Amino acid sequence: MSDIKNRDLILEAIDQLRKRKARPDIHRICNFLTRKFSIDSKDTKSDLQRCVEKEIVYKVEYKGSIS
């Protein structure tokens, strides 16, 4: 099991945003988790950063924004 508390929820948020053809940037991921699961955006940002560090998700720059 991973030590990243909201890892599965972050991955679910990314999947949902991609299905809507929305770029899954940090603001959209935070908003999704806040609305659906009442998770504080501070927690989401720190968990998302750990996911990037462990290469569970990749950080990509596209047209001047980061997804």
PDB file of N, CA and C in Angstrom:
ATOM      1  N   MET A   1       0.853  -1.195   0.000  1.00  0.00           N
ATOM      2  CA  MET A   1       0.000   0.000   0.000  1.00  0.00           C
ATOM      3  C   MET A   1       0.885   1.240   0.000  1.00  0.00           C
ATOM      4  N   SER A   2       0.423   2.246  -0.654  1.00  0.00           N
ATOM      5  CA  SER A   2       1.189   3.479  -0.790  1.00  0.00           C
ATOM      6  C   SER A   2       1.038   4.347   0.457  1.00  0.00           C
ATOM      7  N   ASP A   3       2.044   5.167   0.726  1.00  0.00           N
ATOM      8  CA  ASP A   3       1.974   6.070   1.869  1.00  0.00           C
ATOM      9  C   ASP A   3       1.321   7.398   1.494  1.00  0.00           C
ATOM     10  N   ILE A   4       0.886   7.530   0.259  1.00  0.00           N
ATOM     11  CA  ILE A   4       0.228   8.757  -0.191  1.00  0.00           C
ATOM     12  C   ILE A   4      -1.269   8.589   0.059  1.00  0.00           C
ATOM     13  N   LYS A   5      -1.788   9.392   0.987  1.00  0.00           N
ATOM     14  CA  LYS A   5      -3.139   9.202   1.496  1.00  0.00           C
ATOM     15  C   LYS A   5      -4.218   9.267   0.404  1.00  0.00           C
ATOM     16  N   ASN A   6      -4.154  10.261  -0.448  1.00  0.00           N
ATOM     17  CA  ASN A   6      -5.216  10.482  -1.427  1.00  0.00           C
ATOM     18  C   ASN A   6      -4.824  10.066  -2.841  1.00  0.00           C
ATOM     19  N   ARG A   7      -3.880   9.157  -2.964  1.00  0.00           N
ATOM     20  CA  ARG A   7      -3.372   8.758  -4.273  1.00  0.00           C
ATOM     21  C   ARG A   7      -4.481   8.281  -5.205  1.00  0.00           C
ATOM     22  N   ASP A   8      -5.310   7.371  -4.747  1.00  0.00           N
ATOM     23  CA  ASP A   8      -6.359   6.813  -5.606  1.00  0.00           C
ATOM     24  C   ASP A   8      -7.387   7.873  -5.996  1.00  0.00           C
ATOM     25  N   LEU A   9      -7.687   8.795  -5.075  1.00  0.00           N
ATOM     26  CA  LEU A   9      -8.637   9.858  -5.389  1.00  0.00           C
ATOM     27  C   LEU A   9      -8.046  10.829  -6.399  1.00  0.00           C
ATOM     28  N   ILE A  10      -6.751  11.107  -6.297  1.00  0.00           N
ATOM     29  CA  ILE A  10      -6.087  11.980  -7.262  1.00  0.00           C
ATOM     30  C   ILE A  10      -6.126  11.333  -8.646  1.00  0.00           C
ATOM     31  N   LEU A  11      -5.838  10.043  -8.715  1.00  0.00           N
ATOM     32  CA  LEU A  11      -5.880   9.343 -10.002  1.00  0.00           C
ATOM     33  C   LEU A  11      -7.297   9.328 -10.572  1.00  0.00           C
ATOM     34  N   GLU A  12      -8.293   9.182  -9.711  1.00  0.00           N
ATOM     35  CA  GLU A  12      -9.687   9.219 -10.158  1.00  0.00           C
ATOM     36  C   GLU A  12     -10.025  10.604 -10.711  1.00  0.00           C
ATOM     37  N   ALA A  13      -9.570  11.649 -10.022  1.00  0.00           N
ATOM     38  CA  ALA A  13      -9.824  13.022 -10.478  1.00  0.00           C
ATOM     39  C   ALA A  13      -9.197  13.255 -11.847  1.00  0.00           C
ATOM     40  N   ILE A  14      -7.972  12.794 -12.032  1.00  0.00           N
ATOM     41  CA  ILE A  14      -7.296  12.960 -13.315  1.00  0.00           C
ATOM     42  C   ILE A  14      -8.067  12.231 -14.417  1.00  0.00           C
ATOM     43  N   ASP A  15      -8.515  11.013 -14.137  1.00  0.00           N
ATOM     44  CA  ASP A  15      -9.300  10.253 -15.121  1.00  0.00           C
ATOM     45  C   ASP A  15     -10.589  10.980 -15.491  1.00  0.00           C
ATOM     46  N   GLN A  16     -11.290  11.474 -14.486  1.00  0.00           N
ATOM     47  CA  GLN A  16     -12.550  12.170 -14.738  1.00  0.00           C
ATOM     48  C   GLN A  16     -12.329  13.440 -15.554  1.00  0.00           C
ATOM     49  N   LEU A  17     -11.287  14.198 -15.212  1.00  0.00           N
ATOM     50  CA  LEU A  17     -11.000  15.428 -15.949  1.00  0.00           C
ATOM     51  C   LEU A  17     -10.631  15.113 -17.399  1.00  0.00           C
ATOM     52  N   ARG A  18      -9.869  14.061 -17.607  1.00  0.00           N
ATOM     53  CA  ARG A  18      -9.489  13.687 -18.971  1.00  0.00           C
ATOM     54  C   ARG A  18     -10.698  13.211 -19.772  1.00  0.00           C
ATOM     55  N   LYS A  19     -11.629  12.525 -19.123  1.00  0.00           N
ATOM     56  CA  LYS A  19     -12.856  12.104 -19.822  1.00  0.00           C
ATOM     57  C   LYS A  19     -13.661  13.312 -20.279  1.00  0.00           C
ATOM     58  N   ARG A  20     -13.607  14.389 -19.503  1.00  0.00           N
ATOM     59  CA  ARG A  20     -14.313  15.629 -19.863  1.00  0.00           C
ATOM     60  C   ARG A  20     -13.504  16.473 -20.848  1.00  0.00           C
ATOM     61  N   LYS A  21     -12.336  15.956 -21.244  1.00  0.00           N
ATOM     62  CA  LYS A  21     -11.410  16.661 -22.129  1.00  0.00           C
ATOM     63  C   LYS A  21     -10.913  17.964 -21.512  1.00  0.00           C
ATOM     64  N   ALA A  22     -10.831  17.994 -20.191  1.00  0.00           N
ATOM     65  CA  ALA A  22     -10.273  19.138 -19.463  1.00  0.00           C
ATOM     66  C   ALA A  22      -8.850  18.789 -19.056  1.00  0.00           C
ATOM     67  N   ARG A  23      -7.961  19.731 -19.174  1.00  0.00           N
ATOM     68  CA  ARG A  23      -6.565  19.491 -18.794  1.00  0.00           C
ATOM     69  C   ARG A  23      -6.487  19.348 -17.278  1.00  0.00           C
ATOM     70  N   PRO A  24      -5.958  18.221 -16.770  1.00  0.00           N
ATOM     71  CA  PRO A  24      -5.932  17.992 -15.318  1.00  0.00           C
ATOM     72  C   PRO A  24      -4.799  18.749 -14.626  1.00  0.00           C
ATOM     73  N   ASP A  25      -4.964  20.067 -14.485  1.00  0.00           N
ATOM     74  CA  ASP A  25      -3.946  20.848 -13.780  1.00  0.00           C
ATOM     75  C   ASP A  25      -4.244  20.844 -12.284  1.00  0.00           C
ATOM     76  N   ILE A  26      -3.343  21.427 -11.530  1.00  0.00           N
ATOM     77  CA  ILE A  26      -3.458  21.342 -10.066  1.00  0.00           C
ATOM     78  C   ILE A  26      -4.742  22.004  -9.543  1.00  0.00           C
ATOM     79  N   HIS A  27      -5.171  23.094 -10.175  1.00  0.00           N
ATOM     80  CA  HIS A  27      -6.378  23.788  -9.700  1.00  0.00           C
ATOM     81  C   HIS A  27      -7.627  22.945  -9.937  1.00  0.00           C
ATOM     82  N   ARG A  28      -7.710  22.319 -11.098  1.00  0.00           N
ATOM     83  CA  ARG A  28      -8.876  21.475 -11.386  1.00  0.00           C
ATOM     84  C   ARG A  28      -8.898  20.237 -10.505  1.00  0.00           C
ATOM     85  N   ILE A  29      -7.729  19.652 -10.272  1.00  0.00           N
ATOM     86  CA  ILE A  29      -7.662  18.465  -9.400  1.00  0.00           C
ATOM     87  C   ILE A  29      -8.085  18.843  -7.976  1.00  0.00           C
ATOM     88  N   CYS A  30      -7.569  19.963  -7.474  1.00  0.00           N
ATOM     89  CA  CYS A  30      -7.940  20.421  -6.125  1.00  0.00           C
ATOM     90  C   CYS A  30      -9.431  20.694  -6.032  1.00  0.00           C
ATOM     91  N   ASN A  31      -9.986  21.394  -7.032  1.00  0.00           N
ATOM     92  CA  ASN A  31     -11.422  21.696  -7.016  1.00  0.00           C
ATOM     93  C   ASN A  31     -12.257  20.422  -7.036  1.00  0.00           C
ATOM     94  N   PHE A  32     -11.857  19.460  -7.851  1.00  0.00           N
ATOM     95  CA  PHE A  32     -12.585  18.193  -7.949  1.00  0.00           C
ATOM     96  C   PHE A  32     -12.608  17.487  -6.593  1.00  0.00           C
ATOM     97  N   LEU A  33     -11.443  17.357  -5.957  1.00  0.00           N
ATOM     98  CA  LEU A  33     -11.369  16.641  -4.677  1.00  0.00           C
ATOM     99  C   LEU A  33     -12.060  17.406  -3.555  1.00  0.00           C
ATOM    100  N   THR A  34     -12.039  18.728  -3.626  1.00  0.00           N
ATOM    101  CA  THR A  34     -12.751  19.521  -2.615  1.00  0.00           C
ATOM    102  C   THR A  34     -14.257  19.332  -2.765  1.00  0.00           C
ATOM    103  N   ARG A  35     -14.762  19.398  -3.992  1.00  0.00           N
ATOM    104  CA  ARG A  35     -16.202  19.257  -4.224  1.00  0.00           C
ATOM    105  C   ARG A  35     -16.698  17.851  -3.928  1.00  0.00           C
ATOM    106  N   LYS A  36     -15.986  16.838  -4.426  1.00  0.00           N
ATOM    107  CA  LYS A  36     -16.467  15.457  -4.307  1.00  0.00           C
ATOM    108  C   LYS A  36     -16.217  14.839  -2.931  1.00  0.00           C
ATOM    109  N   PHE A  37     -15.062  15.145  -2.331  1.00  0.00           N
ATOM    110  CA  PHE A  37     -14.657  14.424  -1.128  1.00  0.00           C
ATOM    111  C   PHE A  37     -14.313  15.326   0.056  1.00  0.00           C
ATOM    112  N   SER A  38     -14.489  16.634  -0.091  1.00  0.00           N
ATOM    113  CA  SER A  38     -14.186  17.614   0.975  1.00  0.00           C
ATOM    114  C   SER A  38     -12.744  17.509   1.469  1.00  0.00           C
ATOM    115  N   ILE A  39     -11.815  17.334   0.530  1.00  0.00           N
ATOM    116  CA  ILE A  39     -10.399  17.251   0.880  1.00  0.00           C
ATOM    117  C   ILE A  39      -9.766  18.621   0.687  1.00  0.00           C
ATOM    118  N   ASP A  40      -9.041  19.070   1.693  1.00  0.00           N
ATOM    119  CA  ASP A  40      -8.389  20.375   1.657  1.00  0.00           C
ATOM    120  C   ASP A  40      -7.382  20.442   0.511  1.00  0.00           C
ATOM    121  N   SER A  41      -7.322  21.573  -0.168  1.00  0.00           N
ATOM    122  CA  SER A  41      -6.421  21.704  -1.318  1.00  0.00           C
ATOM    123  C   SER A  41      -4.948  21.614  -0.912  1.00  0.00           C
ATOM    124  N   LYS A  42      -4.631  21.989   0.332  1.00  0.00           N
ATOM    125  CA  LYS A  42      -3.244  21.842   0.820  1.00  0.00           C
ATOM    126  C   LYS A  42      -2.833  20.378   0.819  1.00  0.00           C
ATOM    127  N   ASP A  43      -3.730  19.511   1.304  1.00  0.00           N
ATOM    128  CA  ASP A  43      -3.454  18.071   1.328  1.00  0.00           C
ATOM    129  C   ASP A  43      -3.334  17.521  -0.087  1.00  0.00           C
ATOM    130  N   THR A  44      -4.214  17.972  -0.963  1.00  0.00           N
ATOM    131  CA  THR A  44      -4.181  17.509  -2.346  1.00  0.00           C
ATOM    132  C   THR A  44      -2.865  17.890  -3.008  1.00  0.00           C
ATOM    133  N   LYS A  45      -2.436  19.136  -2.809  1.00  0.00           N
ATOM    134  CA  LYS A  45      -1.191  19.603  -3.428  1.00  0.00           C
ATOM    135  C   LYS A  45       0.011  18.812  -2.928  1.00  0.00           C
ATOM    136  N   SER A  46       0.080  18.553  -1.627  1.00  0.00           N
ATOM    137  CA  SER A  46       1.232  17.812  -1.101  1.00  0.00           C
ATOM    138  C   SER A  46       1.208  16.358  -1.575  1.00  0.00           C
ATOM    139  N   ASP A  47       0.011  15.741  -1.611  1.00  0.00           N
ATOM    140  CA  ASP A  47      -0.092  14.362  -2.102  1.00  0.00           C
ATOM    141  C   ASP A  47       0.227  14.293  -3.591  1.00  0.00           C
ATOM    142  N   LEU A  48      -0.222  15.280  -4.345  1.00  0.00           N
ATOM    143  CA  LEU A  48       0.061  15.309  -5.780  1.00  0.00           C
ATOM    144  C   LEU A  48       1.557  15.459  -6.029  1.00  0.00           C
ATOM    145  N   GLN A  49       2.222  16.278  -5.224  1.00  0.00           N
ATOM    146  CA  GLN A  49       3.671  16.444  -5.361  1.00  0.00           C
ATOM    147  C   GLN A  49       4.395  15.133  -5.077  1.00  0.00           C
ATOM    148  N   ARG A  50       3.940  14.396  -4.062  1.00  0.00           N
ATOM    149  CA  ARG A  50       4.553  13.092  -3.771  1.00  0.00           C
ATOM    150  C   ARG A  50       4.299  12.092  -4.899  1.00  0.00           C
ATOM    151  N   CYS A  51       3.122  12.170  -5.519  1.00  0.00           N
ATOM    152  CA  CYS A  51       2.832  11.301  -6.671  1.00  0.00           C
ATOM    153  C   CYS A  51       3.792  11.601  -7.825  1.00  0.00           C
ATOM    154  N   VAL A  52       4.097  12.869  -8.030  1.00  0.00           N
ATOM    155  CA  VAL A  52       5.039  13.252  -9.083  1.00  0.00           C
ATOM    156  C   VAL A  52       6.436  12.745  -8.737  1.00  0.00           C
ATOM    157  N   GLU A  53       6.839  12.907  -7.482  1.00  0.00           N
ATOM    158  CA  GLU A  53       8.170  12.461  -7.049  1.00  0.00           C
ATOM    159  C   GLU A  53       8.335  10.952  -7.195  1.00  0.00           C
ATOM    160  N   LYS A  54       7.273  10.199  -6.941  1.00  0.00           N
ATOM    161  CA  LYS A  54       7.340   8.734  -7.041  1.00  0.00           C
ATOM    162  C   LYS A  54       6.994   8.240  -8.441  1.00  0.00           C
ATOM    163  N   GLU A  55       6.820   9.170  -9.370  1.00  0.00           N
ATOM    164  CA  GLU A  55       6.513   8.879 -10.774  1.00  0.00           C
ATOM    165  C   GLU A  55       5.229   8.077 -10.949  1.00  0.00           C
ATOM    166  N   ILE A  56       4.254   8.328 -10.085  1.00  0.00           N
ATOM    167  CA  ILE A  56       2.929   7.737 -10.247  1.00  0.00           C
ATOM    168  C   ILE A  56       2.173   8.533 -11.316  1.00  0.00           C
ATOM    169  N   VAL A  57       2.372   9.853 -11.296  1.00  0.00           N
ATOM    170  CA  VAL A  57       1.864  10.742 -12.346  1.00  0.00           C
ATOM    171  C   VAL A  57       3.032  11.590 -12.836  1.00  0.00           C
ATOM    172  N   TYR A  58       2.883  12.130 -14.027  1.00  0.00           N
ATOM    173  CA  TYR A  58       3.937  12.959 -14.606  1.00  0.00           C
ATOM    174  C   TYR A  58       3.479  14.396 -14.711  1.00  0.00           C
ATOM    175  N   LYS A  59       4.420  15.301 -14.503  1.00  0.00           N
ATOM    176  CA  LYS A  59       4.177  16.729 -14.625  1.00  0.00           C
ATOM    177  C   LYS A  59       4.586  17.123 -16.035  1.00  0.00           C
ATOM    178  N   VAL A  60       3.651  17.728 -16.771  1.00  0.00           N
ATOM    179  CA  VAL A  60       3.895  18.059 -18.159  1.00  0.00           C
ATOM    180  C   VAL A  60       3.583  19.539 -18.394  1.00  0.00           C
ATOM    181  N   GLU A  61       4.474  20.225 -19.106  1.00  0.00           N
ATOM    182  CA  GLU A  61       4.190  21.599 -19.487  1.00  0.00           C
ATOM    183  C   GLU A  61       3.690  21.607 -20.922  1.00  0.00           C
ATOM    184  N   TYR A  62       2.550  22.260 -21.133  1.00  0.00           N
ATOM    185  CA  TYR A  62       1.931  22.313 -22.464  1.00  0.00           C
ATOM    186  C   TYR A  62       1.292  23.671 -22.666  1.00  0.00           C
ATOM    187  N   LYS A  63       1.731  24.362 -23.693  1.00  0.00           N
ATOM    188  CA  LYS A  63       1.196  25.688 -24.028  1.00  0.00           C
ATOM    189  C   LYS A  63       1.235  26.626 -22.827  1.00  0.00           C
ATOM    190  N   GLY A  64       2.320  26.614 -22.097  1.00  0.00           N
ATOM    191  CA  GLY A  64       2.506  27.557 -21.003  1.00  0.00           C
ATOM    192  C   GLY A  64       1.862  27.189 -19.682  1.00  0.00           C
ATOM    193  N   SER A  65       1.161  26.056 -19.606  1.00  0.00           N
ATOM    194  CA  SER A  65       0.582  25.644 -18.321  1.00  0.00           C
ATOM    195  C   SER A  65       1.099  24.258 -17.966  1.00  0.00           C
ATOM    196  N   ILE A  66       0.992  23.928 -16.690  1.00  0.00           N
ATOM    197  CA  ILE A  66       1.511  22.654 -16.204  1.00  0.00           C
ATOM    198  C   ILE A  66       0.356  21.740 -15.827  1.00  0.00           C
ATOM    199  N   SER A  67       0.410  20.534 -16.323  1.00  0.00           N
ATOM    200  CA  SER A  67      -0.624  19.533 -16.019  1.00  0.00           C
ATOM    201  C   SER A  67       0.029  18.340 -15.351  1.00  0.00           C
TER     202      SER A  67
END
